[in-house]
Amino acid sequence: MKLLDVFESSKTTEYADTFKALKEKYGEHLSIRSFCEEYERIGGHAQVKHKGTLKEGFKFTELELAIICDNGYSHFGGYSNIYKRDFTVTIYVD
């Protein structure tokens, strides 16, 4: 899934509604580490990559997973991919 940047996502309520629903379900302090068996955060030039394996029983959409990894959605876009329980989320930063 291609992620919208903060400017594009402000034109729709999808990202804000998804973030609100996640906070209501899991509390104010969402932490990707709470949902993973394995997790790695890799910083790079103008991007941060999140890779890992979700614990059994947790299922998220690609958007939900990206929002959890970024603790919100104030970024410059990126990509989110899930295959079975393995995921990669790349967030573009400045």
C-alpha atoms as a PDB file:
ATOM      1  CA  MET A   1       0.000   0.000   0.000  1.00  0.00           C
ATOM      2  CA  LYS A   2       1.312   3.435  -0.879  1.00  0.00           C
ATOM      3  CA  LEU A   3       0.935   5.777   2.096  1.00  0.00           C
ATOM      4  CA  LEU A   4      -0.282   9.327   1.628  1.00  0.00           C
ATOM      5  CA  ASP A   5       1.872  12.165   2.897  1.00  0.00           C
ATOM      6  CA  VAL A   6       0.613  14.398   5.709  1.00  0.00           C
ATOM      7  CA  PHE A   7      -0.666  17.002   3.237  1.00  0.00           C
ATOM      8  CA  GLU A   8      -2.674  14.510   1.169  1.00  0.00           C
ATOM      9  CA  SER A   9      -3.962  12.598   4.207  1.00  0.00           C
ATOM     10  CA  SER A  10      -5.341  15.855   5.649  1.00  0.00           C
ATOM     11  CA  LYS A  11      -7.778  15.988   2.714  1.00  0.00           C
ATOM     12  CA  THR A  12      -9.569  12.853   3.929  1.00  0.00           C
ATOM     13  CA  THR A  13     -10.692  11.547   7.305  1.00  0.00           C
ATOM     14  CA  GLU A  14      -9.493   7.958   6.683  1.00  0.00           C
ATOM     15  CA  TYR A  15      -6.125   8.354   8.437  1.00  0.00           C
ATOM     16  CA  ALA A  16      -7.512  10.356  11.366  1.00  0.00           C
ATOM     17  CA  ASP A  17     -10.434   7.949  11.799  1.00  0.00           C
ATOM     18  CA  THR A  18      -8.091   4.938  11.689  1.00  0.00           C
ATOM     19  CA  PHE A  19      -5.736   6.474  14.261  1.00  0.00           C
ATOM     20  CA  LYS A  20      -8.664   7.338  16.539  1.00  0.00           C
ATOM     21  CA  ALA A  21     -10.064   3.788  16.309  1.00  0.00           C
ATOM     22  CA  LEU A  22      -6.649   2.286  17.144  1.00  0.00           C
ATOM     23  CA  LYS A  23      -6.254   4.561  20.174  1.00  0.00           C
ATOM     24  CA  GLU A  24      -9.745   3.630  21.385  1.00  0.00           C
ATOM     25  CA  LYS A  25      -9.039  -0.086  20.991  1.00  0.00           C
ATOM     26  CA  TYR A  26      -5.449  -0.236  22.286  1.00  0.00           C
ATOM     27  CA  GLY A  27      -5.071   2.900  24.419  1.00  0.00           C
ATOM     28  CA  GLU A  28      -3.229   6.179  24.017  1.00  0.00           C
ATOM     29  CA  HIS A  29       0.242   4.640  23.819  1.00  0.00           C
ATOM     30  CA  LEU A  30       0.327   2.356  20.817  1.00  0.00           C
ATOM     31  CA  SER A  31       3.594   0.454  20.582  1.00  0.00           C
ATOM     32  CA  ILE A  32       4.485  -1.749  17.644  1.00  0.00           C
ATOM     33  CA  ARG A  33       6.683  -3.860  19.934  1.00  0.00           C
ATOM     34  CA  SER A  34       3.546  -4.953  21.837  1.00  0.00           C
ATOM     35  CA  PHE A  35       2.217  -6.664  18.724  1.00  0.00           C
ATOM     36  CA  CYS A  36       5.418  -8.301  17.400  1.00  0.00           C
ATOM     37  CA  GLU A  37       7.390 -11.483  17.923  1.00  0.00           C
ATOM     38  CA  GLU A  38      10.274  -9.932  16.020  1.00  0.00           C
ATOM     39  CA  TYR A  39      10.771  -6.253  15.243  1.00  0.00           C
ATOM     40  CA  GLU A  40      13.533  -4.121  13.765  1.00  0.00           C
ATOM     41  CA  ARG A  41      13.636  -0.382  13.077  1.00  0.00           C
ATOM     42  CA  ILE A  42      16.198   0.646  10.471  1.00  0.00           C
ATOM     43  CA  GLY A  43      17.024   4.304   9.932  1.00  0.00           C
ATOM     44  CA  GLY A  44      18.217   5.419   6.542  1.00  0.00           C
ATOM     45  CA  HIS A  45      18.599   8.492   4.398  1.00  0.00           C
ATOM     46  CA  ALA A  46      15.231  10.283   4.524  1.00  0.00           C
ATOM     47  CA  GLN A  47      13.368   7.110   5.520  1.00  0.00           C
ATOM     48  CA  VAL A  48      12.750   4.741   8.397  1.00  0.00           C
ATOM     49  CA  LYS A  49      12.006   1.076   7.725  1.00  0.00           C
ATOM     50  CA  HIS A  50      10.072  -1.095  10.184  1.00  0.00           C
ATOM     51  CA  LYS A  51      10.335  -4.867   9.696  1.00  0.00           C
ATOM     52  CA  GLY A  52       8.942  -7.658  11.784  1.00  0.00           C
ATOM     53  CA  THR A  53       6.586 -10.515  12.446  1.00  0.00           C
ATOM     54  CA  LEU A  54       3.240  -9.987  14.145  1.00  0.00           C
ATOM     55  CA  LYS A  55       2.285 -12.178  17.086  1.00  0.00           C
ATOM     56  CA  GLU A  56      -0.422 -14.780  16.485  1.00  0.00           C
ATOM     57  CA  GLY A  57      -3.888 -13.300  16.806  1.00  0.00           C
ATOM     58  CA  PHE A  58      -3.052  -9.751  15.715  1.00  0.00           C
ATOM     59  CA  LYS A  59      -4.359  -8.694  12.334  1.00  0.00           C
ATOM     60  CA  PHE A  60      -4.002  -5.169  11.034  1.00  0.00           C
ATOM     61  CA  THR A  61      -4.584  -3.475   7.721  1.00  0.00           C
ATOM     62  CA  GLU A  62      -1.521  -2.032   6.030  1.00  0.00           C
ATOM     63  CA  LEU A  63      -2.692   1.466   6.992  1.00  0.00           C
ATOM     64  CA  GLU A  64      -3.241   0.497  10.636  1.00  0.00           C
ATOM     65  CA  LEU A  65       0.200  -1.072  10.800  1.00  0.00           C
ATOM     66  CA  ALA A  66       1.865   2.013   9.307  1.00  0.00           C
ATOM     67  CA  ILE A  67       0.076   4.276  11.783  1.00  0.00           C
ATOM     68  CA  ILE A  68       1.152   2.078  14.693  1.00  0.00           C
ATOM     69  CA  CYS A  69       4.778   2.010  13.479  1.00  0.00           C
ATOM     70  CA  ASP A  70       4.837   5.800  13.020  1.00  0.00           C
ATOM     71  CA  ASN A  71       2.731   6.502  16.135  1.00  0.00           C
ATOM     72  CA  GLY A  72       0.501   8.604  13.940  1.00  0.00           C
ATOM     73  CA  TYR A  73       0.615   9.698  10.349  1.00  0.00           C
ATOM     74  CA  SER A  74       2.618  12.933  10.129  1.00  0.00           C
ATOM     75  CA  HIS A  75       5.129  11.791   7.542  1.00  0.00           C
ATOM     76  CA  PHE A  76       5.952  12.341   3.884  1.00  0.00           C
ATOM     77  CA  GLY A  77       4.450   9.110   2.616  1.00  0.00           C
ATOM     78  CA  GLY A  78       5.907   5.651   2.219  1.00  0.00           C
ATOM     79  CA  TYR A  79       4.815   2.063   1.778  1.00  0.00           C
ATOM     80  CA  SER A  80       3.266  -0.618   3.966  1.00  0.00           C
ATOM     81  CA  ASN A  81       3.250  -4.317   3.115  1.00  0.00           C
ATOM     82  CA  ILE A  82       2.014  -7.347   5.022  1.00  0.00           C
ATOM     83  CA  TYR A  83       2.480 -10.952   3.943  1.00  0.00           C
ATOM     84  CA  LYS A  84       0.840 -13.405   6.328  1.00  0.00           C
ATOM     85  CA  ARG A  85       2.341 -12.153   9.618  1.00  0.00           C
ATOM     86  CA  ASP A  86       5.546 -10.605   8.209  1.00  0.00           C
ATOM     87  CA  PHE A  87       5.566  -6.912   7.441  1.00  0.00           C
ATOM     88  CA  THR A  88       7.676  -4.067   6.122  1.00  0.00           C
ATOM     89  CA  VAL A  89       6.669  -0.447   6.582  1.00  0.00           C
ATOM     90  CA  THR A  90       8.803   2.281   5.031  1.00  0.00           C
ATOM     91  CA  ILE A  91       8.105   5.838   6.200  1.00  0.00           C
ATOM     92  CA  TYR A  92       9.599   8.825   4.380  1.00  0.00           C
ATOM     93  CA  VAL A  93      10.924  11.464   6.753  1.00  0.00           C
ATOM     94  CA  ASP A  94      12.845  14.702   6.272  1.00  0.00           C
END
